[in-house]
């Protein structure tokens, strides 16, 4: 086997069926697609897919040979684990349990969780306590299902470094909790890449490849839709430290090109990202093909 490289669902044309999406990814040389279950009603409805609908996805995976090993579950932005509202808090746990069950049915190995206690509400010590309590419950469910939960390093100061994740992991103390760093998000907060990845290399489930504009005194930064190579990520330093820490997990190119006007325009955007990233990956000795 070689290191797998995948593409985010939201980089692929939105109108495609899952069978078409997996073939689209295969045509571009990807090994897997990361499914998105975000805060929109349309994507949250996936948590209620019937057994027949779930089986269809599994058949699509076997037909194409392109896997869906990860779910990016950002539904907690709308229904956060740390919410002050008891109804929203209960909904967050309900959705979490459903997502774990969906992952189990589809053969998904890792669910990426957003690393914040609340998003639209005001943060407080109480929102953190509830987040930790409910994350512990989620880890218990994940352990029962043998599905890994992995916290993303975010565009939010609550967990914006691998070091902060490690403090959370120490308190939760679950063998089913990992971290899912986003290269852009780690870099935007001026974290030291060397320290971050040496401290956390043993706990990394997968890595999002993305560029960002940094957070500064005068700017909140920009955490999406930054062209590769135009942001603050030091790509050569990043890939060098991943090589030195013997990272052998997958890479996932995170892009938002699902609403391009044509399929060919989407392909061109993804190809541009590949042309930038692949030579750097190969130069660092982290070849994925």
C-alpha atoms as a PDB file:
ATOM      1  CA  UNK A   1       0.000   0.000   0.000  1.00  0.00           C
ATOM      2  CA  UNK A   2       0.991   3.618  -0.508  1.00  0.00           C
ATOM      3  CA  UNK A   3      -0.112   6.624   1.506  1.00  0.00           C
ATOM      4  CA  UNK A   4      -3.714   7.418   0.484  1.00  0.00           C
ATOM      5  CA  UNK A   5      -4.698  10.880  -0.690  1.00  0.00           C
ATOM      6  CA  UNK A   6      -8.287  12.042  -0.835  1.00  0.00           C
ATOM      7  CA  UNK A   7     -10.511  14.921  -1.813  1.00  0.00           C
ATOM      8  CA  UNK A   8     -13.158  16.694   0.254  1.00  0.00           C
ATOM      9  CA  UNK A   9     -16.737  16.185  -0.893  1.00  0.00           C
ATOM     10  CA  UNK A  10     -17.275  19.957  -1.119  1.00  0.00           C
ATOM     11  CA  UNK A  11     -14.515  20.141  -3.734  1.00  0.00           C
ATOM     12  CA  UNK A  12     -16.557  17.910  -6.050  1.00  0.00           C
ATOM     13  CA  UNK A  13     -19.590  18.999  -8.103  1.00  0.00           C
ATOM     14  CA  UNK A  14     -22.585  19.266  -5.799  1.00  0.00           C
ATOM     15  CA  UNK A  15     -25.061  17.819  -8.308  1.00  0.00           C
ATOM     16  CA  UNK A  16     -23.301  14.444  -8.615  1.00  0.00           C
ATOM     17  CA  UNK A  17     -24.720  11.235  -7.197  1.00  0.00           C
ATOM     18  CA  UNK A  18     -22.401   9.378  -4.844  1.00  0.00           C
ATOM     19  CA  UNK A  19     -21.571   6.855  -7.561  1.00  0.00           C
ATOM     20  CA  UNK A  20     -20.719   9.698  -9.954  1.00  0.00           C
ATOM     21  CA  UNK A  21     -18.731  11.488  -7.232  1.00  0.00           C
ATOM     22  CA  UNK A  22     -16.592   8.454  -6.494  1.00  0.00           C
ATOM     23  CA  UNK A  23     -15.907   7.919 -10.206  1.00  0.00           C
ATOM     24  CA  UNK A  24     -15.070  11.644 -10.477  1.00  0.00           C
ATOM     25  CA  UNK A  25     -12.525  11.271  -7.678  1.00  0.00           C
ATOM     26  CA  UNK A  26     -11.105   8.118  -9.252  1.00  0.00           C
ATOM     27  CA  UNK A  27     -10.619   9.880 -12.584  1.00  0.00           C
ATOM     28  CA  UNK A  28      -8.521  12.517 -10.801  1.00  0.00           C
ATOM     29  CA  UNK A  29      -6.377   9.868  -9.107  1.00  0.00           C
ATOM     30  CA  UNK A  30      -7.784  10.049  -5.579  1.00  0.00           C
ATOM     31  CA  UNK A  31      -8.052   7.065  -3.257  1.00  0.00           C
ATOM     32  CA  UNK A  32     -10.940   8.345  -1.186  1.00  0.00           C
ATOM     33  CA  UNK A  33     -13.571  11.032  -0.670  1.00  0.00           C
ATOM     34  CA  UNK A  34     -14.286  12.616   2.699  1.00  0.00           C
ATOM     35  CA  UNK A  35     -18.029  12.917   3.236  1.00  0.00           C
ATOM     36  CA  UNK A  36     -19.423  16.176   4.610  1.00  0.00           C
ATOM     37  CA  UNK A  37     -22.237  16.265   7.142  1.00  0.00           C
ATOM     38  CA  UNK A  38     -22.474  19.955   7.890  1.00  0.00           C
ATOM     39  CA  UNK A  39     -25.115  22.105   9.587  1.00  0.00           C
ATOM     40  CA  UNK A  40     -27.416  22.314   6.546  1.00  0.00           C
ATOM     41  CA  UNK A  41     -30.700  20.420   6.666  1.00  0.00           C
ATOM     42  CA  UNK A  42     -29.856  18.593   3.431  1.00  0.00           C
ATOM     43  CA  UNK A  43     -26.627  17.091   4.748  1.00  0.00           C
ATOM     44  CA  UNK A  44     -27.940  16.454   8.277  1.00  0.00           C
ATOM     45  CA  UNK A  45     -30.677  14.335   6.664  1.00  0.00           C
ATOM     46  CA  UNK A  46     -27.967  11.832   5.741  1.00  0.00           C
ATOM     47  CA  UNK A  47     -27.946  10.766   9.383  1.00  0.00           C
ATOM     48  CA  UNK A  48     -31.421   9.343   8.762  1.00  0.00           C
ATOM     49  CA  UNK A  49     -30.603   7.429   5.586  1.00  0.00           C
ATOM     50  CA  UNK A  50     -32.429   4.112   5.397  1.00  0.00           C
ATOM     51  CA  UNK A  51     -30.591   0.793   5.423  1.00  0.00           C
ATOM     52  CA  UNK A  52     -31.201   0.563   1.679  1.00  0.00           C
ATOM     53  CA  UNK A  53     -29.678   4.001   1.074  1.00  0.00           C
ATOM     54  CA  UNK A  54     -26.673   3.089   3.200  1.00  0.00           C
ATOM     55  CA  UNK A  55     -26.224  -0.179   1.335  1.00  0.00           C
ATOM     56  CA  UNK A  56     -26.260   1.714  -1.960  1.00  0.00           C
ATOM     57  CA  UNK A  57     -23.309   3.828  -0.775  1.00  0.00           C
ATOM     58  CA  UNK A  58     -21.404   0.686   0.249  1.00  0.00           C
ATOM     59  CA  UNK A  59     -22.065  -0.834  -3.200  1.00  0.00           C
ATOM     60  CA  UNK A  60     -20.823   2.393  -4.827  1.00  0.00           C
ATOM     61  CA  UNK A  61     -17.585   2.093  -2.844  1.00  0.00           C
ATOM     62  CA  UNK A  62     -17.037  -1.489  -3.982  1.00  0.00           C
ATOM     63  CA  UNK A  63     -17.916  -0.710  -7.600  1.00  0.00           C
ATOM     64  CA  UNK A  64     -15.496   2.205  -7.901  1.00  0.00           C
ATOM     65  CA  UNK A  65     -12.754   1.102  -5.518  1.00  0.00           C
ATOM     66  CA  UNK A  66     -12.802   4.628  -4.034  1.00  0.00           C
ATOM     67  CA  UNK A  67     -13.364   4.604  -0.266  1.00  0.00           C
ATOM     68  CA  UNK A  68     -15.205   6.905   2.135  1.00  0.00           C
ATOM     69  CA  UNK A  69     -13.062   6.391   5.260  1.00  0.00           C
ATOM     70  CA  UNK A  70     -13.837   9.724   6.923  1.00  0.00           C
ATOM     71  CA  UNK A  71     -16.792  11.984   7.683  1.00  0.00           C
ATOM     72  CA  UNK A  72     -16.286  15.690   8.314  1.00  0.00           C
ATOM     73  CA  UNK A  73     -19.064  16.219  10.860  1.00  0.00           C
ATOM     74  CA  UNK A  74     -19.535  19.961  11.294  1.00  0.00           C
ATOM     75  CA  UNK A  75     -23.204  19.707  12.241  1.00  0.00           C
ATOM     76  CA  UNK A  76     -22.095  20.607  15.754  1.00  0.00           C
ATOM     77  CA  UNK A  77     -21.596  24.187  14.575  1.00  0.00           C
ATOM     78  CA  UNK A  78     -25.398  24.517  14.607  1.00  0.00           C
ATOM     79  CA  UNK A  79     -25.961  22.088  17.468  1.00  0.00           C
ATOM     80  CA  UNK A  80     -22.842  22.386  19.675  1.00  0.00           C
ATOM     81  CA  UNK A  81     -21.938  19.973  22.454  1.00  0.00           C
ATOM     82  CA  UNK A  82     -21.385  22.858  24.869  1.00  0.00           C
ATOM     83  CA  UNK A  83     -24.637  24.729  24.252  1.00  0.00           C
ATOM     84  CA  UNK A  84     -26.370  26.601  27.063  1.00  0.00           C
ATOM     85  CA  UNK A  85     -29.699  25.541  25.583  1.00  0.00           C
ATOM     86  CA  UNK A  86     -30.674  22.081  26.935  1.00  0.00           C
ATOM     87  CA  UNK A  87     -32.646  21.269  23.766  1.00  0.00           C
ATOM     88  CA  UNK A  88     -29.688  22.095  21.524  1.00  0.00           C
ATOM     89  CA  UNK A  89     -27.355  20.167  23.810  1.00  0.00           C
ATOM     90  CA  UNK A  90     -29.633  17.118  23.606  1.00  0.00           C
ATOM     91  CA  UNK A  91     -29.818  17.498  19.817  1.00  0.00           C
ATOM     92  CA  UNK A  92     -26.016  17.611  19.605  1.00  0.00           C
ATOM     93  CA  UNK A  93     -25.782  14.231  21.339  1.00  0.00           C
ATOM     94  CA  UNK A  94     -28.573  12.754  19.245  1.00  0.00           C
ATOM     95  CA  UNK A  95     -26.784  13.782  16.042  1.00  0.00           C
ATOM     96  CA  UNK A  96     -23.457  12.507  17.370  1.00  0.00           C
ATOM     97  CA  UNK A  97     -24.888   9.068  18.080  1.00  0.00           C
ATOM     98  CA  UNK A  98     -26.552   8.935  14.661  1.00  0.00           C
ATOM     99  CA  UNK A  99     -23.282   9.909  12.965  1.00  0.00           C
ATOM    100  CA  UNK A 100     -21.411   7.125  14.746  1.00  0.00           C
ATOM    101  CA  UNK A 101     -24.085   4.628  13.673  1.00  0.00           C
ATOM    102  CA  UNK A 102     -23.899   5.888  10.076  1.00  0.00           C
ATOM    103  CA  UNK A 103     -20.121   5.550  10.120  1.00  0.00           C
ATOM    104  CA  UNK A 104     -20.449   2.014  11.409  1.00  0.00           C
ATOM    105  CA  UNK A 105     -22.858   1.097   8.596  1.00  0.00           C
ATOM    106  CA  UNK A 106     -20.772   2.690   5.821  1.00  0.00           C
ATOM    107  CA  UNK A 107     -17.426   1.368   7.026  1.00  0.00           C
ATOM    108  CA  UNK A 108     -16.198   4.876   7.882  1.00  0.00           C
ATOM    109  CA  UNK A 109     -13.263   4.680  10.275  1.00  0.00           C
ATOM    110  CA  UNK A 110     -12.920   8.290  11.425  1.00  0.00           C
ATOM    111  CA  UNK A 111     -15.365  11.076  12.237  1.00  0.00           C
ATOM    112  CA  UNK A 112     -13.800  14.515  12.314  1.00  0.00           C
ATOM    113  CA  UNK A 113     -15.325  16.756  14.990  1.00  0.00           C
ATOM    114  CA  UNK A 114     -15.195  20.536  15.093  1.00  0.00           C
ATOM    115  CA  UNK A 115     -12.926  21.732  17.890  1.00  0.00           C
ATOM    116  CA  UNK A 116     -15.109  24.293  19.605  1.00  0.00           C
ATOM    117  CA  UNK A 117     -17.498  24.235  22.553  1.00  0.00           C
ATOM    118  CA  UNK A 118     -20.020  26.602  20.936  1.00  0.00           C
ATOM    119  CA  UNK A 119     -19.952  28.601  17.724  1.00  0.00           C
ATOM    120  CA  UNK A 120     -22.905  30.990  17.555  1.00  0.00           C
ATOM    121  CA  UNK A 121     -23.341  31.299  21.340  1.00  0.00           C
ATOM    122  CA  UNK A 122     -21.189  33.128  23.870  1.00  0.00           C
ATOM    123  CA  UNK A 123     -18.373  31.046  25.343  1.00  0.00           C
ATOM    124  CA  UNK A 124     -18.036  30.572  29.085  1.00  0.00           C
ATOM    125  CA  UNK A 125     -16.488  28.152  31.579  1.00  0.00           C
ATOM    126  CA  UNK A 126     -19.851  26.357  31.588  1.00  0.00           C
ATOM    127  CA  UNK A 127     -19.852  25.782  27.817  1.00  0.00           C
ATOM    128  CA  UNK A 128     -16.430  24.183  28.147  1.00  0.00           C
ATOM    129  CA  UNK A 129     -17.592  21.909  30.982  1.00  0.00           C
ATOM    130  CA  UNK A 130     -20.584  20.755  28.930  1.00  0.00           C
ATOM    131  CA  UNK A 131     -18.398  20.223  25.858  1.00  0.00           C
ATOM    132  CA  UNK A 132     -16.030  18.006  27.814  1.00  0.00           C
ATOM    133  CA  UNK A 133     -18.840  16.048  29.465  1.00  0.00           C
ATOM    134  CA  UNK A 134     -20.563  15.396  26.143  1.00  0.00           C
ATOM    135  CA  UNK A 135     -17.341  14.644  24.306  1.00  0.00           C
ATOM    136  CA  UNK A 136     -16.655  11.978  26.935  1.00  0.00           C
ATOM    137  CA  UNK A 137     -20.084  10.475  26.201  1.00  0.00           C
ATOM    138  CA  UNK A 138     -19.384  10.591  22.462  1.00  0.00           C
ATOM    139  CA  UNK A 139     -16.073   8.776  22.991  1.00  0.00           C
ATOM    140  CA  UNK A 140     -17.886   6.028  24.905  1.00  0.00           C
ATOM    141  CA  UNK A 141     -20.277   5.530  21.987  1.00  0.00           C
ATOM    142  CA  UNK A 142     -17.365   5.602  19.540  1.00  0.00           C
ATOM    143  CA  UNK A 143     -15.515   2.953  21.537  1.00  0.00           C
ATOM    144  CA  UNK A 144     -18.568   0.694  21.495  1.00  0.00           C
ATOM    145  CA  UNK A 145     -18.797   1.098  17.709  1.00  0.00           C
ATOM    146  CA  UNK A 146     -15.007   0.945  17.100  1.00  0.00           C
ATOM    147  CA  UNK A 147     -15.143   4.280  15.283  1.00  0.00           C
ATOM    148  CA  UNK A 148     -12.444   6.907  15.890  1.00  0.00           C
ATOM    149  CA  UNK A 149     -13.354  10.498  16.748  1.00  0.00           C
ATOM    150  CA  UNK A 150     -10.788  13.089  15.686  1.00  0.00           C
ATOM    151  CA  UNK A 151     -10.920  16.752  16.687  1.00  0.00           C
ATOM    152  CA  UNK A 152     -10.069  19.276  13.998  1.00  0.00           C
ATOM    153  CA  UNK A 153      -7.742  22.164  14.821  1.00  0.00           C
ATOM    154  CA  UNK A 154     -10.088  25.053  14.158  1.00  0.00           C
ATOM    155  CA  UNK A 155     -10.605  28.645  13.068  1.00  0.00           C
ATOM    156  CA  UNK A 156     -11.667  29.222  16.670  1.00  0.00           C
ATOM    157  CA  UNK A 157      -9.415  29.849  19.696  1.00  0.00           C
ATOM    158  CA  UNK A 158     -11.089  27.099  21.745  1.00  0.00           C
ATOM    159  CA  UNK A 159      -8.902  24.397  20.128  1.00  0.00           C
ATOM    160  CA  UNK A 160      -6.600  26.124  17.659  1.00  0.00           C
ATOM    161  CA  UNK A 161      -3.453  24.070  18.245  1.00  0.00           C
ATOM    162  CA  UNK A 162      -2.427  20.455  18.660  1.00  0.00           C
ATOM    163  CA  UNK A 163      -1.118  21.423  22.093  1.00  0.00           C
ATOM    164  CA  UNK A 164      -4.639  22.462  23.157  1.00  0.00           C
ATOM    165  CA  UNK A 165      -6.031  19.223  21.755  1.00  0.00           C
ATOM    166  CA  UNK A 166      -3.536  17.254  23.857  1.00  0.00           C
ATOM    167  CA  UNK A 167      -4.822  18.935  27.014  1.00  0.00           C
ATOM    168  CA  UNK A 168      -8.378  17.941  26.051  1.00  0.00           C
ATOM    169  CA  UNK A 169      -7.279  14.393  25.265  1.00  0.00           C
ATOM    170  CA  UNK A 170      -5.552  14.063  28.620  1.00  0.00           C
ATOM    171  CA  UNK A 171      -8.738  15.046  30.427  1.00  0.00           C
ATOM    172  CA  UNK A 172     -11.013  12.836  28.284  1.00  0.00           C
ATOM    173  CA  UNK A 173      -8.597   9.876  28.424  1.00  0.00           C
ATOM    174  CA  UNK A 174     -10.183   7.818  25.649  1.00  0.00           C
ATOM    175  CA  UNK A 175      -8.334   5.468  23.273  1.00  0.00           C
ATOM    176  CA  UNK A 176     -10.838   6.475  20.575  1.00  0.00           C
ATOM    177  CA  UNK A 177     -10.050  10.207  20.561  1.00  0.00           C
ATOM    178  CA  UNK A 178      -7.484  11.560  18.095  1.00  0.00           C
ATOM    179  CA  UNK A 179      -6.624  14.855  16.416  1.00  0.00           C
ATOM    180  CA  UNK A 180      -7.184  15.842  12.775  1.00  0.00           C
ATOM    181  CA  UNK A 181      -4.911  18.835  12.059  1.00  0.00           C
ATOM    182  CA  UNK A 182      -5.706  21.291   9.307  1.00  0.00           C
ATOM    183  CA  UNK A 183      -2.439  22.689   7.963  1.00  0.00           C
ATOM    184  CA  UNK A 184      -3.947  26.094   7.297  1.00  0.00           C
ATOM    185  CA  UNK A 185      -5.665  26.397  10.657  1.00  0.00           C
ATOM    186  CA  UNK A 186      -2.541  25.345  12.551  1.00  0.00           C
ATOM    187  CA  UNK A 187      -0.497  27.909  10.630  1.00  0.00           C
ATOM    188  CA  UNK A 188      -2.964  30.798  10.818  1.00  0.00           C
ATOM    189  CA  UNK A 189      -2.596  31.029  14.600  1.00  0.00           C
ATOM    190  CA  UNK A 190       1.223  31.255  14.350  1.00  0.00           C
ATOM    191  CA  UNK A 191       1.766  27.875  15.988  1.00  0.00           C
ATOM    192  CA  UNK A 192       5.277  26.493  15.698  1.00  0.00           C
ATOM    193  CA  UNK A 193       4.939  23.620  13.222  1.00  0.00           C
ATOM    194  CA  UNK A 194       7.920  21.733  14.601  1.00  0.00           C
ATOM    195  CA  UNK A 195       6.629  21.774  18.181  1.00  0.00           C
ATOM    196  CA  UNK A 196       3.031  21.065  17.165  1.00  0.00           C
ATOM    197  CA  UNK A 197       3.718  17.967  15.111  1.00  0.00           C
ATOM    198  CA  UNK A 198       6.439  16.567  17.359  1.00  0.00           C
ATOM    199  CA  UNK A 199       4.154  16.869  20.371  1.00  0.00           C
ATOM    200  CA  UNK A 200       1.132  15.406  18.641  1.00  0.00           C
ATOM    201  CA  UNK A 201       2.433  13.036  15.974  1.00  0.00           C
ATOM    202  CA  UNK A 202       1.318   9.935  17.878  1.00  0.00           C
ATOM    203  CA  UNK A 203      -2.302  11.176  18.002  1.00  0.00           C
ATOM    204  CA  UNK A 204      -2.869  12.257  14.381  1.00  0.00           C
ATOM    205  CA  UNK A 205      -5.653  10.395  12.534  1.00  0.00           C
ATOM    206  CA  UNK A 206      -5.354  12.284   9.225  1.00  0.00           C
ATOM    207  CA  UNK A 207      -4.316  15.678   7.869  1.00  0.00           C
ATOM    208  CA  UNK A 208      -6.221  18.297   5.886  1.00  0.00           C
ATOM    209  CA  UNK A 209      -4.091  20.145   3.341  1.00  0.00           C
ATOM    210  CA  UNK A 210      -5.327  23.739   3.103  1.00  0.00           C
ATOM    211  CA  UNK A 211      -3.865  27.247   2.954  1.00  0.00           C
ATOM    212  CA  UNK A 212      -5.021  30.250   5.007  1.00  0.00           C
ATOM    213  CA  UNK A 213      -4.365  33.903   5.658  1.00  0.00           C
ATOM    214  CA  UNK A 214      -3.059  34.435   9.205  1.00  0.00           C
ATOM    215  CA  UNK A 215      -4.772  35.883  12.230  1.00  0.00           C
ATOM    216  CA  UNK A 216      -3.188  39.234  13.126  1.00  0.00           C
ATOM    217  CA  UNK A 217      -3.921  42.236  15.332  1.00  0.00           C
ATOM    218  CA  UNK A 218      -5.808  43.763  12.428  1.00  0.00           C
ATOM    219  CA  UNK A 219      -7.319  40.676  10.816  1.00  0.00           C
ATOM    220  CA  UNK A 220      -9.381  37.673  11.863  1.00  0.00           C
ATOM    221  CA  UNK A 221      -7.600  35.705   9.151  1.00  0.00           C
ATOM    222  CA  UNK A 222      -9.201  33.772   6.321  1.00  0.00           C
ATOM    223  CA  UNK A 223      -9.713  30.068   6.821  1.00  0.00           C
ATOM    224  CA  UNK A 224     -11.106  28.925   3.483  1.00  0.00           C
ATOM    225  CA  UNK A 225     -10.906  29.678  -0.242  1.00  0.00           C
ATOM    226  CA  UNK A 226      -7.256  30.759  -0.044  1.00  0.00           C
ATOM    227  CA  UNK A 227      -5.354  29.538  -3.145  1.00  0.00           C
ATOM    228  CA  UNK A 228      -2.591  27.050  -2.341  1.00  0.00           C
ATOM    229  CA  UNK A 229       0.741  28.825  -2.093  1.00  0.00           C
ATOM    230  CA  UNK A 230      -0.758  32.269  -1.480  1.00  0.00           C
ATOM    231  CA  UNK A 231      -1.410  31.879   2.253  1.00  0.00           C
ATOM    232  CA  UNK A 232       0.717  31.577   5.361  1.00  0.00           C
ATOM    233  CA  UNK A 233       1.479  27.834   5.329  1.00  0.00           C
ATOM    234  CA  UNK A 234       5.204  27.087   5.055  1.00  0.00           C
ATOM    235  CA  UNK A 235       4.674  23.986   2.932  1.00  0.00           C
ATOM    236  CA  UNK A 236       8.290  22.831   2.749  1.00  0.00           C
ATOM    237  CA  UNK A 237       8.705  23.108   6.534  1.00  0.00           C
ATOM    238  CA  UNK A 238       5.366  21.371   7.072  1.00  0.00           C
ATOM    239  CA  UNK A 239       6.145  18.374   4.882  1.00  0.00           C
ATOM    240  CA  UNK A 240       9.665  18.178   6.299  1.00  0.00           C
ATOM    241  CA  UNK A 241       8.411  17.839   9.875  1.00  0.00           C
ATOM    242  CA  UNK A 242       5.819  15.266   8.802  1.00  0.00           C
ATOM    243  CA  UNK A 243       8.613  13.249   7.206  1.00  0.00           C
ATOM    244  CA  UNK A 244      10.772  13.531  10.332  1.00  0.00           C
ATOM    245  CA  UNK A 245       7.932  12.418  12.599  1.00  0.00           C
ATOM    246  CA  UNK A 246       7.284   9.403  10.340  1.00  0.00           C
ATOM    247  CA  UNK A 247       3.726  10.414   9.493  1.00  0.00           C
ATOM    248  CA  UNK A 248       2.283   7.646   7.315  1.00  0.00           C
ATOM    249  CA  UNK A 249      -1.386   8.580   7.444  1.00  0.00           C
ATOM    250  CA  UNK A 250      -3.583  10.017   4.696  1.00  0.00           C
ATOM    251  CA  UNK A 251      -3.642  13.486   3.204  1.00  0.00           C
ATOM    252  CA  UNK A 252      -6.952  15.149   2.345  1.00  0.00           C
ATOM    253  CA  UNK A 253      -7.080  18.132  -0.011  1.00  0.00           C
ATOM    254  CA  UNK A 254      -9.678  20.477   1.466  1.00  0.00           C
ATOM    255  CA  UNK A 255     -11.290  22.783  -1.083  1.00  0.00           C
ATOM    256  CA  UNK A 256     -14.676  24.362  -1.719  1.00  0.00           C
ATOM    257  CA  UNK A 257     -15.287  24.119  -5.458  1.00  0.00           C
ATOM    258  CA  UNK A 258     -18.611  22.258  -5.443  1.00  0.00           C
ATOM    259  CA  UNK A 259     -20.495  25.238  -6.902  1.00  0.00           C
ATOM    260  CA  UNK A 260     -18.283  25.816  -9.936  1.00  0.00           C
ATOM    261  CA  UNK A 261     -20.345  26.440 -13.060  1.00  0.00           C
ATOM    262  CA  UNK A 262     -19.132  23.336 -14.897  1.00  0.00           C
ATOM    263  CA  UNK A 263     -17.578  19.972 -14.030  1.00  0.00           C
ATOM    264  CA  UNK A 264     -14.568  20.889 -16.147  1.00  0.00           C
ATOM    265  CA  UNK A 265     -14.071  24.076 -14.112  1.00  0.00           C
ATOM    266  CA  UNK A 266     -14.119  21.989 -10.933  1.00  0.00           C
ATOM    267  CA  UNK A 267     -11.579  19.569 -12.394  1.00  0.00           C
ATOM    268  CA  UNK A 268      -9.309  22.463 -13.346  1.00  0.00           C
ATOM    269  CA  UNK A 269      -9.433  23.903  -9.809  1.00  0.00           C
ATOM    270  CA  UNK A 270      -8.547  20.534  -8.270  1.00  0.00           C
ATOM    271  CA  UNK A 271      -5.800  19.932 -10.834  1.00  0.00           C
ATOM    272  CA  UNK A 272      -4.261  23.299  -9.925  1.00  0.00           C
ATOM    273  CA  UNK A 273      -4.138  22.238  -6.275  1.00  0.00           C
ATOM    274  CA  UNK A 274      -2.590  18.885  -7.190  1.00  0.00           C
ATOM    275  CA  UNK A 275       0.036  20.565  -9.361  1.00  0.00           C
ATOM    276  CA  UNK A 276       1.054  22.737  -6.420  1.00  0.00           C
ATOM    277  CA  UNK A 277       1.004  20.102  -3.658  1.00  0.00           C
ATOM    278  CA  UNK A 278       2.264  16.928  -5.308  1.00  0.00           C
ATOM    279  CA  UNK A 279       5.795  18.146  -6.197  1.00  0.00           C
ATOM    280  CA  UNK A 280       6.234  19.364  -2.598  1.00  0.00           C
ATOM    281  CA  UNK A 281       5.002  16.039  -1.203  1.00  0.00           C
ATOM    282  CA  UNK A 282       7.358  14.143  -3.479  1.00  0.00           C
ATOM    283  CA  UNK A 283      10.307  16.425  -2.664  1.00  0.00           C
ATOM    284  CA  UNK A 284       9.796  15.724   1.058  1.00  0.00           C
ATOM    285  CA  UNK A 285       9.787  11.964   0.454  1.00  0.00           C
ATOM    286  CA  UNK A 286       6.085  11.628   1.330  1.00  0.00           C
ATOM    287  CA  UNK A 287       4.960  10.366  -2.059  1.00  0.00           C
ATOM    288  CA  UNK A 288       1.376   9.101  -2.191  1.00  0.00           C
ATOM    289  CA  UNK A 289       1.353   7.424  -5.596  1.00  0.00           C
END
